[in-house]
PDB file of N, CA and C in Angstrom:
ATOM      1  N   MET A   1     -10.194  -7.115 -27.554  1.00  0.00           N
ATOM      2  CA  MET A   1     -10.823  -7.824 -26.544  1.00  0.00           C
ATOM      3  C   MET A   1     -12.383  -7.700 -26.381  1.00  0.00           C
ATOM      4  N   GLY A   2     -13.042  -8.842 -26.100  1.00  0.00           N
ATOM      5  CA  GLY A   2     -14.642  -8.866 -26.237  1.00  0.00           C
ATOM      6  C   GLY A   2     -15.003  -9.052 -24.759  1.00  0.00           C
ATOM      7  N   SER A   3     -16.125  -8.585 -24.573  1.00  0.00           N
ATOM      8  CA  SER A   3     -16.507  -8.827 -23.018  1.00  0.00           C
ATOM      9  C   SER A   3     -16.819  -9.834 -22.378  1.00  0.00           C
ATOM     10  N   GLU A   4     -16.734 -11.058 -23.355  1.00  0.00           N
ATOM     11  CA  GLU A   4     -16.691 -12.214 -22.869  1.00  0.00           C
ATOM     12  C   GLU A   4     -15.671 -12.995 -21.894  1.00  0.00           C
ATOM     13  N   ASN A   5     -14.537 -11.745 -21.992  1.00  0.00           N
ATOM     14  CA  ASN A   5     -13.393 -12.171 -21.169  1.00  0.00           C
ATOM     15  C   ASN A   5     -13.758 -11.471 -19.692  1.00  0.00           C
ATOM     16  N   LEU A   6     -14.787 -10.494 -19.510  1.00  0.00           N
ATOM     17  CA  LEU A   6     -14.739  -9.754 -18.334  1.00  0.00           C
ATOM     18  C   LEU A   6     -15.739 -10.656 -17.424  1.00  0.00           C
ATOM     19  N   PRO A   7     -15.598 -10.275 -16.082  1.00  0.00           N
ATOM     20  CA  PRO A   7     -16.624 -10.891 -15.150  1.00  0.00           C
ATOM     21  C   PRO A   7     -17.872 -10.152 -15.056  1.00  0.00           C
ATOM     22  N   TYR A   8     -19.017 -10.648 -14.782  1.00  0.00           N
ATOM     23  CA  TYR A   8     -20.102 -10.110 -14.392  1.00  0.00           C
ATOM     24  C   TYR A   8     -20.138  -9.271 -13.241  1.00  0.00           C
ATOM     25  N   ALA A   9     -20.844  -8.181 -13.101  1.00  0.00           N
ATOM     26  CA  ALA A   9     -20.918  -7.471 -12.024  1.00  0.00           C
ATOM     27  C   ALA A   9     -21.607  -8.241 -10.605  1.00  0.00           C
ATOM     28  N   ALA A  10     -22.751  -9.187 -11.144  1.00  0.00           N
ATOM     29  CA  ALA A  10     -23.320  -9.809  -9.965  1.00  0.00           C
ATOM     30  C   ALA A  10     -22.306 -10.725  -9.350  1.00  0.00           C
ATOM     31  N   ASP A  11     -21.259 -11.412  -9.910  1.00  0.00           N
ATOM     32  CA  ASP A  11     -20.145 -12.007  -9.456  1.00  0.00           C
ATOM     33  C   ASP A  11     -19.593 -11.421  -8.389  1.00  0.00           C
ATOM     34  N   ALA A  12     -19.389 -10.053  -8.363  1.00  0.00           N
ATOM     35  CA  ALA A  12     -18.641  -9.416  -7.289  1.00  0.00           C
ATOM     36  C   ALA A  12     -19.585  -9.282  -6.073  1.00  0.00           C
ATOM     37  N   GLU A  13     -20.911  -9.438  -6.265  1.00  0.00           N
ATOM     38  CA  GLU A  13     -21.846  -9.123  -5.023  1.00  0.00           C
ATOM     39  C   GLU A  13     -22.058 -10.476  -4.351  1.00  0.00           C
ATOM     40  N   SER A  14     -21.952 -11.766  -5.235  1.00  0.00           N
ATOM     41  CA  SER A  14     -22.431 -13.241  -4.434  1.00  0.00           C
ATOM     42  C   SER A  14     -21.156 -13.932  -3.939  1.00  0.00           C
ATOM     43  N   PRO A  15     -21.532 -14.394  -2.830  1.00  0.00           N
ATOM     44  CA  PRO A  15     -20.369 -15.034  -1.719  1.00  0.00           C
ATOM     45  C   PRO A  15     -19.944 -16.056  -2.804  1.00  0.00           C
ATOM     46  N   LEU A  16     -18.379 -16.377  -2.423  1.00  0.00           N
ATOM     47  CA  LEU A  16     -17.506 -17.501  -2.652  1.00  0.00           C
ATOM     48  C   LEU A  16     -18.363 -18.663  -2.372  1.00  0.00           C
ATOM     49  N   LYS A  17     -18.126 -19.801  -2.829  1.00  0.00           N
ATOM     50  CA  LYS A  17     -18.469 -21.095  -2.358  1.00  0.00           C
ATOM     51  C   LYS A  17     -17.444 -21.496  -1.335  1.00  0.00           C
ATOM     52  N   GLU A  18     -17.704 -22.259  -0.502  1.00  0.00           N
ATOM     53  CA  GLU A  18     -17.229 -22.502   0.820  1.00  0.00           C
ATOM     54  C   GLU A  18     -15.589 -23.255   0.342  1.00  0.00           C
ATOM     55  N   ALA A  19     -15.464 -24.135  -0.738  1.00  0.00           N
ATOM     56  CA  ALA A  19     -14.293 -24.363  -1.175  1.00  0.00           C
ATOM     57  C   ALA A  19     -13.437 -23.351  -1.785  1.00  0.00           C
ATOM     58  N   GLU A  20     -13.968 -22.284  -2.483  1.00  0.00           N
ATOM     59  CA  GLU A  20     -13.279 -21.252  -2.983  1.00  0.00           C
ATOM     60  C   GLU A  20     -12.644 -20.267  -1.672  1.00  0.00           C
ATOM     61  N   LEU A  21     -13.598 -20.160  -0.674  1.00  0.00           N
ATOM     62  CA  LEU A  21     -13.154 -19.205   0.443  1.00  0.00           C
ATOM     63  C   LEU A  21     -11.835 -20.186   1.160  1.00  0.00           C
ATOM     64  N   ALA A  22     -12.010 -21.515   1.177  1.00  0.00           N
ATOM     65  CA  ALA A  22     -11.130 -22.595   1.945  1.00  0.00           C
ATOM     66  C   ALA A  22      -9.629 -22.194   1.344  1.00  0.00           C
ATOM     67  N   VAL A  23      -9.462 -22.071  -0.125  1.00  0.00           N
ATOM     68  CA  VAL A  23      -8.302 -22.014  -0.841  1.00  0.00           C
ATOM     69  C   VAL A  23      -7.697 -20.761  -0.384  1.00  0.00           C
ATOM     70  N   LEU A  24      -8.579 -19.541  -0.314  1.00  0.00           N
ATOM     71  CA  LEU A  24      -7.958 -18.403   0.068  1.00  0.00           C
ATOM     72  C   LEU A  24      -7.232 -18.119   1.417  1.00  0.00           C
ATOM     73  N   ARG A  25      -8.314 -19.299   2.300  1.00  0.00           N
ATOM     74  CA  ARG A  25      -8.038 -19.280   3.858  1.00  0.00           C
ATOM     75  C   ARG A  25      -6.803 -19.865   3.988  1.00  0.00           C
ATOM     76  N   LYS A  26      -6.293 -20.942   3.174  1.00  0.00           N
ATOM     77  CA  LYS A  26      -5.373 -21.899   3.412  1.00  0.00           C
ATOM     78  C   LYS A  26      -4.059 -21.323   2.782  1.00  0.00           C
ATOM     79  N   GLN A  27      -4.007 -20.638   1.862  1.00  0.00           N
ATOM     80  CA  GLN A  27      -3.039 -19.684   1.415  1.00  0.00           C
ATOM     81  C   GLN A  27      -2.628 -18.562   2.181  1.00  0.00           C
ATOM     82  N   TYR A  28      -3.458 -17.734   2.988  1.00  0.00           N
ATOM     83  CA  TYR A  28      -3.469 -16.899   4.023  1.00  0.00           C
ATOM     84  C   TYR A  28      -2.432 -17.582   5.242  1.00  0.00           C
ATOM     85  N   GLU A  29      -3.199 -18.886   5.611  1.00  0.00           N
ATOM     86  CA  GLU A  29      -2.599 -19.380   6.976  1.00  0.00           C
ATOM     87  C   GLU A  29      -1.051 -19.895   6.521  1.00  0.00           C
ATOM     88  N   ARG A  30      -0.942 -20.638   5.196  1.00  0.00           N
ATOM     89  CA  ARG A  30       0.324 -21.133   5.026  1.00  0.00           C
ATOM     90  C   ARG A  30       1.568 -19.881   5.060  1.00  0.00           C
ATOM     91  N   GLU A  31       0.842 -18.633   4.543  1.00  0.00           N
ATOM     92  CA  GLU A  31       2.174 -17.564   4.746  1.00  0.00           C
ATOM     93  C   GLU A  31       2.487 -17.292   5.870  1.00  0.00           C
ATOM     94  N   GLY A  32       1.612 -17.450   7.114  1.00  0.00           N
ATOM     95  CA  GLY A  32       1.647 -17.063   8.261  1.00  0.00           C
ATOM     96  C   GLY A  32       1.986 -15.633   8.657  1.00  0.00           C
ATOM     97  N   GLN A  33       3.149 -15.487   9.305  1.00  0.00           N
ATOM     98  CA  GLN A  33       3.449 -14.179   9.735  1.00  0.00           C
ATOM     99  C   GLN A  33       3.921 -12.798   8.617  1.00  0.00           C
ATOM    100  N   PHE A  34       4.257 -13.853   7.554  1.00  0.00           N
ATOM    101  CA  PHE A  34       4.852 -13.235   6.491  1.00  0.00           C
ATOM    102  C   PHE A  34       3.661 -13.118   5.330  1.00  0.00           C
ATOM    103  N   VAL A  35       2.805 -13.186   5.705  1.00  0.00           N
ATOM    104  CA  VAL A  35       1.480 -12.992   4.558  1.00  0.00           C
ATOM    105  C   VAL A  35       1.656 -11.773   3.835  1.00  0.00           C
ATOM    106  N   GLY A  36       1.657 -12.091   2.284  1.00  0.00           N
ATOM    107  CA  GLY A  36       1.522 -10.915   1.520  1.00  0.00           C
ATOM    108  C   GLY A  36       0.455 -10.081   1.355  1.00  0.00           C
ATOM    109  N   VAL A  37       0.726  -8.805   0.787  1.00  0.00           N
ATOM    110  CA  VAL A  37      -0.517  -7.709   0.879  1.00  0.00           C
ATOM    111  C   VAL A  37      -1.653  -8.373  -0.121  1.00  0.00           C
ATOM    112  N   GLN A  38      -1.295  -8.985  -1.212  1.00  0.00           N
ATOM    113  CA  GLN A  38      -2.260  -9.431  -1.958  1.00  0.00           C
ATOM    114  C   GLN A  38      -2.960 -10.794  -1.538  1.00  0.00           C
ATOM    115  N   THR A  39      -2.303 -11.673  -0.852  1.00  0.00           N
ATOM    116  CA  THR A  39      -2.755 -12.911  -0.248  1.00  0.00           C
ATOM    117  C   THR A  39      -3.906 -12.284   0.870  1.00  0.00           C
ATOM    118  N   LYS A  40      -3.537 -11.492   1.767  1.00  0.00           N
ATOM    119  CA  LYS A  40      -4.228 -10.990   2.743  1.00  0.00           C
ATOM    120  C   LYS A  40      -5.618 -10.038   2.086  1.00  0.00           C
ATOM    121  N   PHE A  41      -5.366  -9.306   1.004  1.00  0.00           N
ATOM    122  CA  PHE A  41      -6.646  -8.764   0.485  1.00  0.00           C
ATOM    123  C   PHE A  41      -7.578  -9.804  -0.365  1.00  0.00           C
ATOM    124  N   ASN A  42      -7.066 -10.619  -1.017  1.00  0.00           N
ATOM    125  CA  ASN A  42      -7.860 -11.734  -1.527  1.00  0.00           C
ATOM    126  C   ASN A  42      -8.797 -12.503  -0.514  1.00  0.00           C
ATOM    127  N   TYR A  43      -8.036 -12.846   0.344  1.00  0.00           N
ATOM    128  CA  TYR A  43      -9.009 -13.463   1.766  1.00  0.00           C
ATOM    129  C   TYR A  43      -9.871 -12.507   2.242  1.00  0.00           C
ATOM    130  N   ALA A  44      -9.735 -11.192   2.636  1.00  0.00           N
ATOM    131  CA  ALA A  44     -10.362 -10.225   3.227  1.00  0.00           C
ATOM    132  C   ALA A  44     -11.681 -10.068   2.361  1.00  0.00           C
ATOM    133  N   TRP A  45     -11.312 -10.016   0.867  1.00  0.00           N
ATOM    134  CA  TRP A  45     -12.175  -9.810  -0.288  1.00  0.00           C
ATOM    135  C   TRP A  45     -13.504 -10.790  -0.137  1.00  0.00           C
ATOM    136  N   GLY A  46     -12.805 -12.236   0.040  1.00  0.00           N
ATOM    137  CA  GLY A  46     -13.834 -13.310   0.160  1.00  0.00           C
ATOM    138  C   GLY A  46     -14.319 -13.137   1.145  1.00  0.00           C
ATOM    139  N   LEU A  47     -13.972 -13.074   2.458  1.00  0.00           N
ATOM    140  CA  LEU A  47     -14.868 -12.873   3.585  1.00  0.00           C
ATOM    141  C   LEU A  47     -15.707 -12.066   3.674  1.00  0.00           C
ATOM    142  N   ILE A  48     -15.541 -10.663   3.127  1.00  0.00           N
ATOM    143  CA  ILE A  48     -16.528  -9.745   3.026  1.00  0.00           C
ATOM    144  C   ILE A  48     -17.848 -10.241   2.132  1.00  0.00           C
ATOM    145  N   LYS A  49     -17.532 -10.719   1.198  1.00  0.00           N
ATOM    146  CA  LYS A  49     -18.248 -11.319   0.101  1.00  0.00           C
ATOM    147  C   LYS A  49     -19.278 -12.158   0.769  1.00  0.00           C
ATOM    148  N   SER A  50     -18.985 -12.906   2.089  1.00  0.00           N
ATOM    149  CA  SER A  50     -19.688 -14.189   2.675  1.00  0.00           C
ATOM    150  C   SER A  50     -21.034 -13.746   3.361  1.00  0.00           C
ATOM    151  N   ASP A  51     -21.848 -14.278   3.244  1.00  0.00           N
ATOM    152  CA  ASP A  51     -23.393 -14.194   3.761  1.00  0.00           C
ATOM    153  C   ASP A  51     -23.116 -14.205   5.506  1.00  0.00           C
ATOM    154  N   GLN A  52     -21.987 -14.572   5.942  1.00  0.00           N
ATOM    155  CA  GLN A  52     -21.976 -14.410   7.418  1.00  0.00           C
ATOM    156  C   GLN A  52     -21.259 -13.214   7.888  1.00  0.00           C
ATOM    157  N   ALA A  53     -22.058 -12.754   9.070  1.00  0.00           N
ATOM    158  CA  ALA A  53     -21.589 -11.282   9.230  1.00  0.00           C
ATOM    159  C   ALA A  53     -20.046 -11.459  10.146  1.00  0.00           C
ATOM    160  N   ALA A  54     -20.103 -12.665  10.984  1.00  0.00           N
ATOM    161  CA  ALA A  54     -18.587 -12.802  11.327  1.00  0.00           C
ATOM    162  C   ALA A  54     -17.394 -12.928  10.403  1.00  0.00           C
ATOM    163  N   ASP A  55     -17.697 -13.503   9.210  1.00  0.00           N
ATOM    164  CA  ASP A  55     -16.743 -13.391   8.368  1.00  0.00           C
ATOM    165  C   ASP A  55     -16.341 -12.210   7.829  1.00  0.00           C
ATOM    166  N   GLN A  56     -17.545 -11.144   7.446  1.00  0.00           N
ATOM    167  CA  GLN A  56     -17.589  -9.820   7.219  1.00  0.00           C
ATOM    168  C   GLN A  56     -16.724  -9.288   7.858  1.00  0.00           C
ATOM    169  N   ARG A  57     -17.046  -9.456   9.263  1.00  0.00           N
ATOM    170  CA  ARG A  57     -16.097  -8.336  10.237  1.00  0.00           C
ATOM    171  C   ARG A  57     -14.834  -8.602  10.263  1.00  0.00           C
ATOM    172  N   LEU A  58     -14.364 -10.032  10.112  1.00  0.00           N
ATOM    173  CA  LEU A  58     -13.069 -10.390  10.038  1.00  0.00           C
ATOM    174  C   LEU A  58     -12.419  -9.843   8.679  1.00  0.00           C
ATOM    175  N   GLY A  59     -13.035  -9.613   7.620  1.00  0.00           N
ATOM    176  CA  GLY A  59     -12.599  -9.348   6.217  1.00  0.00           C
ATOM    177  C   GLY A  59     -12.255  -7.658   6.594  1.00  0.00           C
ATOM    178  N   VAL A  60     -13.319  -7.234   7.250  1.00  0.00           N
ATOM    179  CA  VAL A  60     -13.064  -5.767   7.264  1.00  0.00           C
ATOM    180  C   VAL A  60     -11.731  -5.443   8.232  1.00  0.00           C
ATOM    181  N   LYS A  61     -11.872  -6.423   9.179  1.00  0.00           N
ATOM    182  CA  LYS A  61     -10.504  -5.971  10.139  1.00  0.00           C
ATOM    183  C   LYS A  61      -9.288  -6.576   9.531  1.00  0.00           C
ATOM    184  N   LEU A  62      -9.163  -7.316   8.745  1.00  0.00           N
ATOM    185  CA  LEU A  62      -7.969  -7.529   7.786  1.00  0.00           C
ATOM    186  C   LEU A  62      -7.424  -6.353   6.978  1.00  0.00           C
ATOM    187  N   LEU A  63      -8.655  -5.904   6.571  1.00  0.00           N
ATOM    188  CA  LEU A  63      -8.298  -4.859   5.384  1.00  0.00           C
ATOM    189  C   LEU A  63      -7.927  -3.564   6.133  1.00  0.00           C
ATOM    190  N   SER A  64      -8.701  -3.063   7.022  1.00  0.00           N
ATOM    191  CA  SER A  64      -8.432  -2.110   7.819  1.00  0.00           C
ATOM    192  C   SER A  64      -7.246  -2.050   8.597  1.00  0.00           C
ATOM    193  N   GLY A  65      -6.685  -3.370   8.958  1.00  0.00           N
ATOM    194  CA  GLY A  65      -5.330  -3.189   9.683  1.00  0.00           C
ATOM    195  C   GLY A  65      -4.343  -3.142   8.462  1.00  0.00           C
ATOM    196  N   GLU A  66      -4.492  -3.509   7.331  1.00  0.00           N
ATOM    197  CA  GLU A  66      -3.603  -3.487   6.208  1.00  0.00           C
ATOM    198  C   GLU A  66      -3.532  -2.019   5.878  1.00  0.00           C
ATOM    199  N   PHE A  67      -4.641  -1.293   5.734  1.00  0.00           N
ATOM    200  CA  PHE A  67      -4.520   0.197   5.155  1.00  0.00           C
ATOM    201  C   PHE A  67      -4.300   0.863   6.302  1.00  0.00           C
ATOM    202  N   LEU A  68      -4.519   0.776   7.512  1.00  0.00           N
ATOM    203  CA  LEU A  68      -4.064   1.366   8.587  1.00  0.00           C
ATOM    204  C   LEU A  68      -2.521   1.552   8.912  1.00  0.00           C
ATOM    205  N   PHE A  69      -1.659   0.434   8.620  1.00  0.00           N
ATOM    206  CA  PHE A  69      -0.473   0.065   8.447  1.00  0.00           C
ATOM    207  C   PHE A  69       0.281   1.014   7.285  1.00  0.00           C
ATOM    208  N   PHE A  70      -0.198   0.799   6.341  1.00  0.00           N
ATOM    209  CA  PHE A  70       0.280   1.634   5.185  1.00  0.00           C
ATOM    210  C   PHE A  70       0.050   3.291   5.139  1.00  0.00           C
ATOM    211  N   SER A  71      -0.995   3.701   5.766  1.00  0.00           N
ATOM    212  CA  SER A  71      -1.502   5.077   6.155  1.00  0.00           C
ATOM    213  C   SER A  71      -0.386   5.833   7.030  1.00  0.00           C
ATOM    214  N   LEU A  72       0.223   5.211   7.901  1.00  0.00           N
ATOM    215  CA  LEU A  72       1.050   5.636   9.200  1.00  0.00           C
ATOM    216  C   LEU A  72       2.186   6.212   8.394  1.00  0.00           C
ATOM    217  N   PRO A  73       2.722   7.517   9.008  1.00  0.00           N
ATOM    218  CA  PRO A  73       4.137   7.841   8.934  1.00  0.00           C
ATOM    219  C   PRO A  73       5.128   6.519   8.869  1.00  0.00           C
ATOM    220  N   PRO A  74       6.042   6.511   8.347  1.00  0.00           N
ATOM    221  CA  PRO A  74       7.307   5.323   8.728  1.00  0.00           C
ATOM    222  C   PRO A  74       7.612   5.219  10.026  1.00  0.00           C
ATOM    223  N   ALA A  75       7.811   6.565  10.773  1.00  0.00           N
ATOM    224  CA  ALA A  75       8.299   6.165  12.037  1.00  0.00           C
ATOM    225  C   ALA A  75       7.207   5.369  12.909  1.00  0.00           C
ATOM    226  N   LEU A  76       5.930   5.401  12.577  1.00  0.00           N
ATOM    227  CA  LEU A  76       4.738   4.949  13.477  1.00  0.00           C
ATOM    228  C   LEU A  76       4.645   3.565  12.999  1.00  0.00           C
ATOM    229  N   SER A  77       4.729   3.395  11.746  1.00  0.00           N
ATOM    230  CA  SER A  77       4.366   2.034  11.184  1.00  0.00           C
ATOM    231  C   SER A  77       5.616   0.825  11.285  1.00  0.00           C
ATOM    232  N   HIS A  78       6.737   1.333  11.743  1.00  0.00           N
ATOM    233  CA  HIS A  78       7.752   0.453  12.227  1.00  0.00           C
ATOM    234  C   HIS A  78       8.369   0.795  13.098  1.00  0.00           C
ATOM    235  N   PRO A  79       7.561   0.491  14.495  1.00  0.00           N
ATOM    236  CA  PRO A  79       8.269   0.777  15.821  1.00  0.00           C
ATOM    237  C   PRO A  79       9.271   0.509  16.268  1.00  0.00           C
ATOM    238  N   LYS A  80       9.775  -0.563  15.783  1.00  0.00           N
ATOM    239  CA  LYS A  80      11.055  -1.251  16.380  1.00  0.00           C
ATOM    240  C   LYS A  80      12.285  -0.689  15.457  1.00  0.00           C
ATOM    241  N   GLU A  81      12.152   0.092  14.428  1.00  0.00           N
ATOM    242  CA  GLU A  81      13.255   0.801  13.830  1.00  0.00           C
ATOM    243  C   GLU A  81      13.642   2.105  14.415  1.00  0.00           C
ATOM    244  N   LYS A  82      14.746   2.517  14.879  1.00  0.00           N
ATOM    245  CA  LYS A  82      15.121   3.877  15.605  1.00  0.00           C
ATOM    246  C   LYS A  82      15.193   5.117  14.650  1.00  0.00           C
ATOM    247  N   THR A  83      14.377   5.977  14.943  1.00  0.00           N
ATOM    248  CA  THR A  83      14.386   6.921  14.245  1.00  0.00           C
ATOM    249  C   THR A  83      15.037   8.417  14.643  1.00  0.00           C
ATOM    250  N   ASN A  84      15.434   9.285  14.079  1.00  0.00           N
ATOM    251  CA  ASN A  84      16.048  10.660  14.551  1.00  0.00           C
ATOM    252  C   ASN A  84      15.145  11.450  14.340  1.00  0.00           C
ATOM    253  N   ILE A  85      13.967  11.872  15.083  1.00  0.00           N
ATOM    254  CA  ILE A  85      13.207  12.905  15.011  1.00  0.00           C
ATOM    255  C   ILE A  85      13.501  14.218  15.535  1.00  0.00           C
TER     256      ILE A  85
END
């Protein structure tokens, strides 16, 4: 496998084109309340790479909520489930 298949480091730092971010946003919105972790990560990553501070904040908020949810003990991350503590 040659290095021609690997992305350039600069690509990770440059903002997505508006059309590229729109694809991620549309997928995120289409999944609605059942949005998958990968879709949420992809959209948040695209937002964080943005030049716009508001987009960056939303991206961080999406990721923070996702990682907070997965880092909580099961009794706290699923409050509707009954647990015997």
